[in-house]
Amino acid sequence: MALDRKGIAARLGQDIEEGWVVNLGIGMPTLVTHALPAGREIILQSENGVIGFGPPADPPDPWMINASKEPIGAIPGTAIVHHADSFAMIRGGHVDLCVLGAFEVAANGDLANWATSSNDLAPAVGGAMDLAVGAKQVWVTMEHSTRDGRPKIVERLSYPPTGLGCVRRIYTNLAVIDVTASGLVVTEMFGCDFAALQAQTAAPLRLAS
């Protein structure tokens, strides 16, 4: 079956390795907080200055939030740092993985996730720009198509870019796809066959050997 949003987050969570420092972007990526494998040490980092947090407490602490302004929880080892130190960590290449949402991903790994036109009311690209170029890896979580059926994986971006050539892997409700120097490689499919997946993708795909 095709995955729902929680299923996409859970599938991605399986691939995060022991000891990685991980930043989770706004939207679907924050669901990964609740889907990390039990017993695996993964250090979550947020741009607003929290390192090593976990799911929200019950009841939530109103002073503990992530960059999406959603509740998070302090766990043993959680550190609160200055906003500038948090961005120094990102820009200095100390984040192993950033998980971002996307409006579009191009076949070469270009990412668009902040505006859908030059006239968009979004205020600015924000921290996603720093994360796209500062993290060692960028993975994307998104639905495979828009609500009206348009592909979100394309040959070239039609929306303003966030980062160029930065995406290394895409997790959708239909597939896990690696972005490689030789093109988009499908490593796993959910609820569809390869022909159906290609029909919903506006860039050439190939199956992993």
N, C-alpha and C. Protein backbone atom coordinates (compact mmCIF):
# COMPACT_ATOMS: atom_id res chain seq x y z
N MET A 1 0.83 -1.20 0.00
CA MET A 1 0.00 0.00 0.00
C MET A 1 0.87 1.25 0.00
N ALA A 2 0.35 2.33 -0.59
CA ALA A 2 1.04 3.62 -0.51
C ALA A 2 1.10 4.06 0.94
N LEU A 3 2.14 4.80 1.28
CA LEU A 3 2.34 5.24 2.66
C LEU A 3 1.56 6.53 2.93
N ASP A 4 1.12 6.71 4.17
CA ASP A 4 0.60 8.00 4.58
C ASP A 4 1.77 8.84 5.11
N ARG A 5 1.48 10.04 5.60
CA ARG A 5 2.54 10.94 6.04
C ARG A 5 3.36 10.34 7.18
N LYS A 6 2.69 9.71 8.12
CA LYS A 6 3.41 9.08 9.23
C LYS A 6 4.24 7.90 8.73
N GLY A 7 3.71 7.19 7.74
CA GLY A 7 4.45 6.06 7.18
C GLY A 7 5.71 6.51 6.45
N ILE A 8 5.63 7.64 5.73
CA ILE A 8 6.81 8.19 5.06
C ILE A 8 7.88 8.53 6.10
N ALA A 9 7.45 9.20 7.18
CA ALA A 9 8.40 9.58 8.23
C ALA A 9 9.02 8.36 8.89
N ALA A 10 8.21 7.33 9.13
CA ALA A 10 8.72 6.11 9.76
C ALA A 10 9.71 5.40 8.86
N ARG A 11 9.39 5.36 7.55
CA ARG A 11 10.32 4.69 6.62
C ARG A 11 11.66 5.42 6.59
N LEU A 12 11.62 6.74 6.54
CA LEU A 12 12.87 7.51 6.55
C LEU A 12 13.64 7.28 7.84
N GLY A 13 12.92 7.26 8.97
CA GLY A 13 13.58 7.08 10.26
C GLY A 13 14.41 5.82 10.34
N GLN A 14 14.01 4.77 9.63
CA GLN A 14 14.76 3.52 9.64
C GLN A 14 16.17 3.68 9.08
N ASP A 15 16.36 4.67 8.20
CA ASP A 15 17.63 4.82 7.50
C ASP A 15 18.60 5.78 8.20
N ILE A 16 18.16 6.44 9.27
CA ILE A 16 19.05 7.36 10.00
C ILE A 16 20.00 6.54 10.85
N GLU A 17 21.28 6.80 10.72
CA GLU A 17 22.27 5.95 11.35
C GLU A 17 22.60 6.38 12.78
N GLU A 18 23.12 5.44 13.52
CA GLU A 18 23.54 5.66 14.91
C GLU A 18 24.50 6.84 15.02
N GLY A 19 24.19 7.76 15.94
CA GLY A 19 25.08 8.86 16.23
C GLY A 19 24.96 10.07 15.34
N TRP A 20 24.09 10.01 14.33
CA TRP A 20 23.95 11.16 13.43
C TRP A 20 23.31 12.35 14.14
N VAL A 21 23.76 13.55 13.77
CA VAL A 21 23.10 14.79 14.15
C VAL A 21 22.15 15.15 13.02
N VAL A 22 20.86 15.34 13.35
CA VAL A 22 19.81 15.45 12.33
C VAL A 22 18.97 16.69 12.57
N ASN A 23 18.76 17.47 11.53
CA ASN A 23 17.86 18.61 11.57
C ASN A 23 16.60 18.26 10.79
N LEU A 24 15.44 18.54 11.37
CA LEU A 24 14.16 18.22 10.74
C LEU A 24 13.46 19.51 10.33
N GLY A 25 13.15 19.64 9.05
CA GLY A 25 12.52 20.84 8.54
C GLY A 25 11.06 20.96 8.91
N ILE A 26 10.45 22.06 8.51
CA ILE A 26 9.06 22.35 8.82
C ILE A 26 8.13 21.42 8.05
N GLY A 27 7.01 21.03 8.68
CA GLY A 27 6.01 20.20 8.03
C GLY A 27 6.23 18.72 8.27
N MET A 28 6.07 17.91 7.20
CA MET A 28 6.18 16.47 7.34
C MET A 28 7.47 16.00 8.01
N PRO A 29 8.62 16.62 7.76
CA PRO A 29 9.85 16.14 8.42
C PRO A 29 9.77 16.08 9.94
N THR A 30 8.97 16.97 10.57
CA THR A 30 8.90 16.94 12.04
C THR A 30 8.28 15.64 12.55
N LEU A 31 7.52 14.93 11.71
CA LEU A 31 6.95 13.65 12.12
C LEU A 31 8.02 12.61 12.41
N VAL A 32 9.22 12.81 11.87
CA VAL A 32 10.31 11.87 12.11
C VAL A 32 10.68 11.83 13.59
N THR A 33 10.44 12.93 14.30
CA THR A 33 10.71 12.98 15.75
C THR A 33 10.06 11.80 16.46
N HIS A 34 8.86 11.42 16.03
CA HIS A 34 8.09 10.37 16.69
C HIS A 34 8.32 9.00 16.06
N ALA A 35 9.23 8.91 15.08
CA ALA A 35 9.38 7.67 14.32
C ALA A 35 10.81 7.14 14.33
N LEU A 36 11.63 7.61 15.27
CA LEU A 36 13.01 7.16 15.31
C LEU A 36 13.08 5.75 15.90
N PRO A 37 13.96 4.90 15.38
CA PRO A 37 14.06 3.53 15.89
C PRO A 37 14.44 3.50 17.37
N ALA A 38 13.76 2.67 18.14
CA ALA A 38 14.04 2.55 19.56
C ALA A 38 15.46 2.04 19.78
N GLY A 39 16.15 2.65 20.73
CA GLY A 39 17.49 2.20 21.10
C GLY A 39 18.61 2.74 20.23
N ARG A 40 18.29 3.51 19.20
CA ARG A 40 19.31 4.09 18.33
C ARG A 40 19.56 5.54 18.76
N GLU A 41 20.80 5.89 19.05
CA GLU A 41 21.11 7.25 19.48
C GLU A 41 21.17 8.17 18.27
N ILE A 42 20.21 9.07 18.16
CA ILE A 42 20.13 10.05 17.08
C ILE A 42 19.94 11.42 17.73
N ILE A 43 20.78 12.38 17.38
CA ILE A 43 20.78 13.69 18.03
C ILE A 43 20.03 14.67 17.13
N LEU A 44 18.85 15.09 17.59
CA LEU A 44 18.05 16.04 16.82
C LEU A 44 18.48 17.47 17.15
N GLN A 45 18.64 18.28 16.09
CA GLN A 45 19.09 19.66 16.21
C GLN A 45 18.10 20.59 15.55
N SER A 46 17.81 21.73 16.18
CA SER A 46 16.87 22.69 15.61
C SER A 46 17.53 24.05 15.50
N GLU A 47 17.19 24.78 14.41
CA GLU A 47 17.84 26.07 14.13
C GLU A 47 17.70 27.07 15.27
N ASN A 48 16.60 26.98 16.02
CA ASN A 48 16.37 27.96 17.07
C ASN A 48 17.21 27.72 18.32
N GLY A 49 18.07 26.69 18.31
CA GLY A 49 19.04 26.55 19.37
C GLY A 49 18.81 25.42 20.36
N VAL A 50 18.26 24.30 19.91
CA VAL A 50 18.07 23.13 20.77
C VAL A 50 18.78 21.95 20.13
N ILE A 51 19.60 21.27 20.92
CA ILE A 51 20.36 20.12 20.43
C ILE A 51 20.07 18.93 21.33
N GLY A 52 19.72 17.80 20.72
CA GLY A 52 19.50 16.57 21.48
C GLY A 52 18.15 16.51 22.15
N PHE A 53 17.08 16.91 21.45
CA PHE A 53 15.75 16.89 22.05
C PHE A 53 14.99 15.63 21.66
N GLY A 54 13.81 15.46 22.26
CA GLY A 54 12.96 14.32 21.96
C GLY A 54 11.53 14.76 21.78
N PRO A 55 10.58 13.79 21.78
CA PRO A 55 9.16 14.14 21.65
C PRO A 55 8.70 15.02 22.80
N PRO A 56 7.60 15.75 22.63
CA PRO A 56 7.13 16.65 23.68
C PRO A 56 6.74 15.92 24.95
N ALA A 57 6.91 16.61 26.07
CA ALA A 57 6.46 16.06 27.35
C ALA A 57 4.94 16.08 27.40
N ASP A 58 4.36 15.41 28.40
CA ASP A 58 2.92 15.40 28.60
C ASP A 58 2.61 15.88 30.02
N PRO A 59 2.11 17.10 30.19
CA PRO A 59 1.73 18.07 29.16
C PRO A 59 2.95 18.75 28.55
N PRO A 60 2.84 19.31 27.34
CA PRO A 60 3.98 19.97 26.70
C PRO A 60 4.47 21.18 27.49
N ASP A 61 5.77 21.41 27.42
CA ASP A 61 6.37 22.60 28.00
C ASP A 61 6.28 23.72 26.95
N PRO A 62 5.56 24.82 27.24
CA PRO A 62 5.38 25.87 26.22
C PRO A 62 6.67 26.56 25.83
N TRP A 63 7.74 26.40 26.61
CA TRP A 63 9.01 27.04 26.30
C TRP A 63 9.92 26.16 25.44
N MET A 64 9.51 24.91 25.23
CA MET A 64 10.31 23.98 24.44
C MET A 64 9.64 23.77 23.09
N ILE A 65 10.17 24.43 22.05
CA ILE A 65 9.62 24.30 20.70
C ILE A 65 10.75 24.15 19.69
N ASN A 66 10.41 23.61 18.53
CA ASN A 66 11.37 23.52 17.45
C ASN A 66 11.21 24.72 16.51
N ALA A 67 11.90 24.71 15.39
CA ALA A 67 11.84 25.83 14.45
C ALA A 67 10.47 25.95 13.79
N SER A 68 9.66 24.88 13.86
CA SER A 68 8.30 24.92 13.34
C SER A 68 7.31 25.44 14.38
N LYS A 69 7.83 25.84 15.55
CA LYS A 69 7.00 26.30 16.67
C LYS A 69 6.12 25.19 17.22
N GLU A 70 6.55 23.93 17.04
CA GLU A 70 5.84 22.78 17.57
C GLU A 70 6.50 22.33 18.87
N PRO A 71 5.73 21.75 19.80
CA PRO A 71 6.32 21.31 21.07
C PRO A 71 7.34 20.20 20.88
N ILE A 72 8.43 20.28 21.62
CA ILE A 72 9.42 19.22 21.70
C ILE A 72 9.71 18.98 23.19
N GLY A 73 10.50 18.00 23.49
CA GLY A 73 10.78 17.67 24.88
C GLY A 73 12.26 17.61 25.18
N ALA A 74 12.62 18.02 26.39
CA ALA A 74 13.99 17.87 26.87
C ALA A 74 14.18 16.44 27.36
N ILE A 75 15.31 15.84 26.98
CA ILE A 75 15.68 14.51 27.43
C ILE A 75 17.10 14.59 27.98
N PRO A 76 17.59 13.55 28.68
CA PRO A 76 18.97 13.62 29.17
C PRO A 76 19.95 13.95 28.05
N GLY A 77 20.73 14.99 28.24
CA GLY A 77 21.70 15.42 27.23
C GLY A 77 21.26 16.59 26.38
N THR A 78 19.99 17.01 26.51
CA THR A 78 19.51 18.16 25.74
C THR A 78 20.31 19.42 26.10
N ALA A 79 20.68 20.19 25.07
CA ALA A 79 21.42 21.45 25.28
C ALA A 79 20.68 22.58 24.60
N ILE A 80 20.64 23.73 25.29
CA ILE A 80 20.08 24.95 24.73
C ILE A 80 21.24 25.87 24.40
N VAL A 81 21.33 26.31 23.14
CA VAL A 81 22.46 27.13 22.70
C VAL A 81 21.95 28.39 22.03
N HIS A 82 22.85 29.35 21.85
CA HIS A 82 22.50 30.59 21.17
C HIS A 82 22.12 30.30 19.72
N HIS A 83 21.18 31.10 19.21
CA HIS A 83 20.73 30.97 17.83
C HIS A 83 21.93 31.02 16.85
N ALA A 84 22.88 31.91 17.13
CA ALA A 84 24.04 32.04 16.25
C ALA A 84 24.91 30.79 16.29
N ASP A 85 25.02 30.16 17.48
CA ASP A 85 25.80 28.93 17.58
C ASP A 85 25.13 27.79 16.81
N SER A 86 23.79 27.79 16.85
CA SER A 86 23.07 26.77 16.11
C SER A 86 23.33 26.89 14.62
N PHE A 87 23.33 28.12 14.09
CA PHE A 87 23.60 28.30 12.66
C PHE A 87 25.07 28.10 12.33
N ALA A 88 25.95 28.37 13.28
CA ALA A 88 27.37 28.06 13.06
C ALA A 88 27.56 26.55 12.92
N MET A 89 26.78 25.81 13.67
CA MET A 89 26.82 24.35 13.58
C MET A 89 26.36 23.89 12.20
N ILE A 90 25.29 24.51 11.71
CA ILE A 90 24.76 24.16 10.38
C ILE A 90 25.74 24.56 9.28
N ARG A 91 26.18 25.82 9.32
CA ARG A 91 27.06 26.33 8.26
C ARG A 91 28.45 25.74 8.31
N GLY A 92 28.82 25.23 9.48
CA GLY A 92 30.15 24.63 9.62
C GLY A 92 30.22 23.17 9.23
N GLY A 93 29.11 22.60 8.75
CA GLY A 93 29.12 21.22 8.28
C GLY A 93 29.06 20.18 9.38
N HIS A 94 28.46 20.54 10.53
CA HIS A 94 28.40 19.61 11.66
C HIS A 94 27.07 18.88 11.79
N VAL A 95 26.16 19.09 10.81
CA VAL A 95 24.89 18.37 10.78
C VAL A 95 25.01 17.24 9.75
N ASP A 96 24.82 16.01 10.20
CA ASP A 96 24.99 14.86 9.31
C ASP A 96 23.87 14.75 8.29
N LEU A 97 22.67 15.12 8.70
CA LEU A 97 21.51 14.95 7.83
C LEU A 97 20.49 16.05 8.09
N CYS A 98 19.94 16.61 7.04
CA CYS A 98 18.78 17.49 7.14
C CYS A 98 17.65 16.87 6.35
N VAL A 99 16.47 16.81 6.97
CA VAL A 99 15.28 16.30 6.31
C VAL A 99 14.37 17.48 6.02
N LEU A 100 14.05 17.71 4.75
CA LEU A 100 13.24 18.85 4.34
C LEU A 100 12.03 18.40 3.55
N GLY A 101 10.96 19.20 3.60
CA GLY A 101 9.85 19.02 2.70
C GLY A 101 10.16 19.70 1.37
N ALA A 102 9.30 19.48 0.37
CA ALA A 102 9.58 20.07 -0.94
C ALA A 102 8.31 20.28 -1.74
N PHE A 103 8.30 21.37 -2.52
CA PHE A 103 7.29 21.56 -3.56
C PHE A 103 7.71 20.80 -4.83
N GLU A 104 9.02 20.82 -5.10
CA GLU A 104 9.58 20.11 -6.25
C GLU A 104 11.00 19.69 -5.95
N VAL A 105 11.41 18.56 -6.55
CA VAL A 105 12.81 18.14 -6.58
C VAL A 105 13.14 17.82 -8.03
N ALA A 106 14.25 18.36 -8.53
CA ALA A 106 14.67 18.09 -9.90
C ALA A 106 15.54 16.84 -9.97
N ALA A 107 15.69 16.31 -11.17
CA ALA A 107 16.43 15.08 -11.38
C ALA A 107 17.89 15.19 -10.93
N ASN A 108 18.44 16.40 -10.94
CA ASN A 108 19.83 16.60 -10.52
C ASN A 108 19.96 16.95 -9.04
N GLY A 109 18.85 16.90 -8.29
CA GLY A 109 18.90 17.18 -6.86
C GLY A 109 18.61 18.62 -6.48
N ASP A 110 18.26 19.47 -7.44
CA ASP A 110 17.84 20.84 -7.09
C ASP A 110 16.56 20.77 -6.26
N LEU A 111 16.44 21.68 -5.30
CA LEU A 111 15.33 21.66 -4.35
C LEU A 111 14.57 22.98 -4.37
N ALA A 112 13.24 22.89 -4.40
CA ALA A 112 12.36 24.07 -4.25
C ALA A 112 11.39 23.78 -3.12
N ASN A 113 11.46 24.54 -2.04
CA ASN A 113 10.56 24.25 -0.92
C ASN A 113 10.08 25.48 -0.15
N TRP A 114 10.25 26.68 -0.75
CA TRP A 114 9.85 27.86 0.02
C TRP A 114 8.84 28.75 -0.70
N ALA A 115 8.73 28.67 -2.01
CA ALA A 115 7.80 29.52 -2.75
C ALA A 115 7.40 28.81 -4.03
N THR A 116 6.19 29.10 -4.49
CA THR A 116 5.69 28.46 -5.71
C THR A 116 5.67 29.40 -6.91
N SER A 117 6.11 30.65 -6.72
CA SER A 117 6.27 31.59 -7.83
C SER A 117 7.05 32.79 -7.35
N SER A 118 7.47 33.64 -8.27
CA SER A 118 8.20 34.84 -7.89
C SER A 118 7.31 35.83 -7.15
N ASN A 119 5.99 35.62 -7.24
CA ASN A 119 5.03 36.51 -6.56
C ASN A 119 4.47 35.89 -5.28
N ASP A 120 5.07 34.80 -4.84
CA ASP A 120 4.58 34.11 -3.65
C ASP A 120 4.66 35.03 -2.43
N LEU A 121 3.72 34.85 -1.49
CA LEU A 121 3.70 35.68 -0.28
C LEU A 121 4.64 35.17 0.81
N ALA A 122 5.34 34.04 0.55
CA ALA A 122 6.31 33.56 1.54
C ALA A 122 7.34 34.65 1.82
N PRO A 123 7.67 34.91 3.10
CA PRO A 123 8.54 36.05 3.42
C PRO A 123 9.97 35.90 2.93
N ALA A 124 10.54 34.70 2.99
CA ALA A 124 11.93 34.49 2.60
C ALA A 124 12.25 33.01 2.63
N VAL A 125 13.38 32.65 2.04
CA VAL A 125 13.78 31.24 2.02
C VAL A 125 14.14 30.75 3.41
N GLY A 126 14.62 31.65 4.29
CA GLY A 126 14.89 31.28 5.67
C GLY A 126 16.03 30.30 5.84
N GLY A 127 15.99 29.54 6.95
CA GLY A 127 17.08 28.64 7.30
C GLY A 127 17.25 27.46 6.37
N ALA A 128 16.23 27.15 5.56
CA ALA A 128 16.35 26.01 4.64
C ALA A 128 17.51 26.20 3.68
N MET A 129 17.81 27.44 3.30
CA MET A 129 18.92 27.72 2.40
C MET A 129 20.24 27.28 3.04
N ASP A 130 20.42 27.62 4.33
CA ASP A 130 21.65 27.23 5.03
C ASP A 130 21.74 25.72 5.20
N LEU A 131 20.61 25.10 5.52
CA LEU A 131 20.59 23.65 5.72
C LEU A 131 20.86 22.91 4.42
N ALA A 132 20.33 23.41 3.31
CA ALA A 132 20.50 22.74 2.02
C ALA A 132 21.96 22.64 1.62
N VAL A 133 22.74 23.65 1.97
CA VAL A 133 24.16 23.65 1.58
C VAL A 133 25.09 23.27 2.73
N GLY A 134 24.60 23.37 3.99
CA GLY A 134 25.47 23.13 5.13
C GLY A 134 25.46 21.71 5.65
N ALA A 135 24.32 21.01 5.52
CA ALA A 135 24.23 19.64 6.01
C ALA A 135 25.02 18.69 5.11
N LYS A 136 25.55 17.64 5.70
CA LYS A 136 26.32 16.67 4.91
C LYS A 136 25.43 15.94 3.90
N GLN A 137 24.16 15.72 4.28
CA GLN A 137 23.21 15.08 3.38
C GLN A 137 21.87 15.78 3.53
N VAL A 138 21.10 15.84 2.44
CA VAL A 138 19.73 16.34 2.48
C VAL A 138 18.82 15.25 1.92
N TRP A 139 17.84 14.85 2.73
CA TRP A 139 16.80 13.93 2.28
C TRP A 139 15.48 14.70 2.27
N VAL A 140 14.60 14.35 1.36
CA VAL A 140 13.32 15.03 1.22
C VAL A 140 12.18 14.07 1.52
N THR A 141 11.17 14.56 2.26
CA THR A 141 9.91 13.83 2.44
C THR A 141 8.81 14.64 1.78
N MET A 142 7.98 13.98 0.99
CA MET A 142 6.88 14.69 0.32
C MET A 142 5.93 13.68 -0.30
N GLU A 143 4.72 14.16 -0.64
CA GLU A 143 3.82 13.36 -1.47
C GLU A 143 4.41 13.30 -2.88
N HIS A 144 4.16 12.21 -3.59
CA HIS A 144 4.78 12.05 -4.91
C HIS A 144 4.20 13.03 -5.93
N SER A 145 2.93 13.41 -5.74
CA SER A 145 2.24 14.32 -6.65
C SER A 145 1.49 15.38 -5.86
N THR A 146 1.15 16.47 -6.52
CA THR A 146 0.33 17.50 -5.89
C THR A 146 -1.12 17.01 -5.77
N ARG A 147 -1.94 17.78 -5.08
CA ARG A 147 -3.34 17.39 -4.91
C ARG A 147 -4.08 17.30 -6.23
N ASP A 148 -3.65 18.07 -7.22
CA ASP A 148 -4.31 17.99 -8.54
C ASP A 148 -3.57 17.07 -9.51
N GLY A 149 -2.65 16.24 -8.96
CA GLY A 149 -2.04 15.19 -9.76
C GLY A 149 -0.79 15.54 -10.52
N ARG A 150 -0.23 16.74 -10.32
CA ARG A 150 1.00 17.11 -11.02
C ARG A 150 2.22 16.50 -10.33
N PRO A 151 3.18 15.98 -11.09
CA PRO A 151 4.38 15.40 -10.49
C PRO A 151 5.20 16.44 -9.72
N LYS A 152 5.77 16.01 -8.60
CA LYS A 152 6.64 16.89 -7.81
C LYS A 152 8.11 16.56 -8.03
N ILE A 153 8.38 15.44 -8.71
CA ILE A 153 9.74 15.11 -9.13
C ILE A 153 9.82 15.41 -10.62
N VAL A 154 10.70 16.34 -10.99
CA VAL A 154 10.68 16.93 -12.34
C VAL A 154 12.08 16.95 -12.94
N GLU A 155 12.15 17.22 -14.24
CA GLU A 155 13.45 17.37 -14.90
C GLU A 155 14.15 18.64 -14.43
N ARG A 156 13.40 19.76 -14.43
CA ARG A 156 13.94 21.04 -13.98
C ARG A 156 12.90 21.74 -13.12
N LEU A 157 13.37 22.48 -12.12
CA LEU A 157 12.46 23.19 -11.22
C LEU A 157 11.65 24.23 -11.98
N SER A 158 10.39 24.37 -11.63
CA SER A 158 9.57 25.48 -12.12
C SER A 158 9.32 26.50 -11.03
N TYR A 159 9.73 26.19 -9.80
CA TYR A 159 9.58 27.09 -8.66
C TYR A 159 10.93 27.67 -8.26
N PRO A 160 10.94 28.79 -7.51
CA PRO A 160 12.22 29.37 -7.06
C PRO A 160 13.02 28.37 -6.24
N PRO A 161 14.30 28.20 -6.53
CA PRO A 161 15.10 27.18 -5.84
C PRO A 161 15.48 27.57 -4.42
N THR A 162 15.60 26.56 -3.59
CA THR A 162 16.15 26.71 -2.23
C THR A 162 17.64 26.39 -2.25
N GLY A 163 18.00 25.31 -2.93
CA GLY A 163 19.40 24.89 -3.05
C GLY A 163 19.57 24.11 -4.34
N LEU A 164 20.78 24.14 -4.88
CA LEU A 164 21.06 23.48 -6.16
C LEU A 164 21.88 22.21 -5.93
N GLY A 165 21.42 21.12 -6.52
CA GLY A 165 22.15 19.86 -6.45
C GLY A 165 22.36 19.33 -5.05
N CYS A 166 21.44 19.61 -4.13
CA CYS A 166 21.67 19.29 -2.72
C CYS A 166 20.96 18.02 -2.25
N VAL A 167 19.89 17.60 -2.91
CA VAL A 167 19.10 16.47 -2.44
C VAL A 167 19.78 15.16 -2.83
N ARG A 168 19.90 14.25 -1.86
CA ARG A 168 20.53 12.95 -2.10
C ARG A 168 19.53 11.80 -2.11
N ARG A 169 18.38 11.99 -1.45
CA ARG A 169 17.39 10.91 -1.41
C ARG A 169 16.01 11.52 -1.22
N ILE A 170 14.99 10.87 -1.85
CA ILE A 170 13.61 11.34 -1.79
C ILE A 170 12.74 10.20 -1.24
N TYR A 171 11.94 10.52 -0.23
CA TYR A 171 10.97 9.58 0.34
C TYR A 171 9.57 10.12 0.05
N THR A 172 8.78 9.35 -0.69
CA THR A 172 7.41 9.75 -0.98
C THR A 172 6.45 8.66 -0.53
N ASN A 173 5.16 8.91 -0.74
CA ASN A 173 4.16 7.90 -0.41
C ASN A 173 4.23 6.68 -1.33
N LEU A 174 4.97 6.82 -2.45
CA LEU A 174 5.05 5.73 -3.43
C LEU A 174 6.42 5.08 -3.54
N ALA A 175 7.49 5.76 -3.11
CA ALA A 175 8.82 5.21 -3.38
C ALA A 175 9.90 5.86 -2.54
N VAL A 176 11.04 5.16 -2.49
CA VAL A 176 12.31 5.73 -2.02
C VAL A 176 13.20 5.84 -3.26
N ILE A 177 13.72 7.04 -3.51
CA ILE A 177 14.48 7.30 -4.74
C ILE A 177 15.79 7.98 -4.39
N ASP A 178 16.89 7.41 -4.84
CA ASP A 178 18.20 8.03 -4.67
C ASP A 178 18.50 8.95 -5.84
N VAL A 179 19.09 10.10 -5.53
CA VAL A 179 19.55 11.03 -6.56
C VAL A 179 21.03 10.78 -6.77
N THR A 180 21.39 10.28 -7.95
CA THR A 180 22.77 9.91 -8.23
C THR A 180 23.30 10.69 -9.43
N ALA A 181 24.60 10.58 -9.64
CA ALA A 181 25.22 11.27 -10.77
C ALA A 181 24.69 10.76 -12.10
N SER A 182 24.15 9.54 -12.11
CA SER A 182 23.62 8.96 -13.35
C SER A 182 22.10 9.01 -13.42
N GLY A 183 21.47 9.75 -12.51
CA GLY A 183 20.02 9.90 -12.56
C GLY A 183 19.32 9.42 -11.30
N LEU A 184 17.99 9.33 -11.39
CA LEU A 184 17.14 8.94 -10.26
C LEU A 184 16.99 7.43 -10.22
N VAL A 185 17.33 6.84 -9.08
CA VAL A 185 17.33 5.39 -8.93
C VAL A 185 16.31 4.99 -7.86
N VAL A 186 15.33 4.18 -8.26
CA VAL A 186 14.29 3.72 -7.35
C VAL A 186 14.78 2.51 -6.58
N THR A 187 14.80 2.62 -5.25
CA THR A 187 15.26 1.51 -4.42
C THR A 187 14.12 0.75 -3.74
N GLU A 188 12.95 1.37 -3.69
CA GLU A 188 11.81 0.73 -3.02
C GLU A 188 10.52 1.38 -3.53
N MET A 189 9.44 0.57 -3.63
CA MET A 189 8.15 1.10 -4.07
C MET A 189 7.05 0.64 -3.12
N PHE A 190 6.00 1.47 -3.01
CA PHE A 190 4.91 1.18 -2.09
C PHE A 190 3.57 1.29 -2.84
N GLY A 191 2.89 0.17 -3.00
CA GLY A 191 1.55 0.19 -3.57
C GLY A 191 1.47 0.50 -5.05
N CYS A 192 2.57 0.36 -5.77
CA CYS A 192 2.54 0.59 -7.22
C CYS A 192 3.67 -0.18 -7.86
N ASP A 193 3.58 -0.35 -9.17
CA ASP A 193 4.69 -0.96 -9.90
C ASP A 193 5.51 0.15 -10.57
N PHE A 194 6.58 -0.25 -11.23
CA PHE A 194 7.50 0.75 -11.79
C PHE A 194 6.83 1.59 -12.87
N ALA A 195 6.01 0.98 -13.70
CA ALA A 195 5.35 1.72 -14.78
C ALA A 195 4.43 2.80 -14.21
N ALA A 196 3.67 2.45 -13.17
CA ALA A 196 2.77 3.42 -12.55
C ALA A 196 3.56 4.54 -11.87
N LEU A 197 4.69 4.18 -11.27
CA LEU A 197 5.53 5.19 -10.62
C LEU A 197 6.11 6.15 -11.66
N GLN A 198 6.60 5.63 -12.76
CA GLN A 198 7.16 6.49 -13.80
C GLN A 198 6.09 7.41 -14.39
N ALA A 199 4.87 6.92 -14.50
CA ALA A 199 3.78 7.73 -15.05
C ALA A 199 3.46 8.93 -14.16
N GLN A 200 3.81 8.85 -12.87
CA GLN A 200 3.56 9.95 -11.94
C GLN A 200 4.81 10.77 -11.65
N THR A 201 5.84 10.57 -12.47
CA THR A 201 7.11 11.25 -12.27
C THR A 201 7.52 11.93 -13.57
N ALA A 202 7.87 13.21 -13.49
CA ALA A 202 8.20 13.98 -14.71
C ALA A 202 9.70 14.01 -14.96
N ALA A 203 10.39 12.94 -14.61
CA ALA A 203 11.81 12.77 -14.89
C ALA A 203 12.08 11.29 -15.02
N PRO A 204 13.07 10.89 -15.81
CA PRO A 204 13.33 9.46 -16.00
C PRO A 204 13.78 8.78 -14.71
N LEU A 205 13.25 7.58 -14.48
CA LEU A 205 13.63 6.76 -13.35
C LEU A 205 14.26 5.47 -13.83
N ARG A 206 15.07 4.86 -12.99
CA ARG A 206 15.52 3.49 -13.26
C ARG A 206 15.53 2.72 -11.96
N LEU A 207 15.32 1.42 -12.06
CA LEU A 207 15.30 0.57 -10.88
C LEU A 207 16.72 0.25 -10.43
N ALA A 208 16.91 0.19 -9.13
CA ALA A 208 18.20 -0.24 -8.60
C ALA A 208 18.43 -1.70 -9.00
N SER A 209 19.67 -2.02 -9.31
CA SER A 209 19.99 -3.39 -9.72
C SER A 209 19.96 -4.31 -8.51
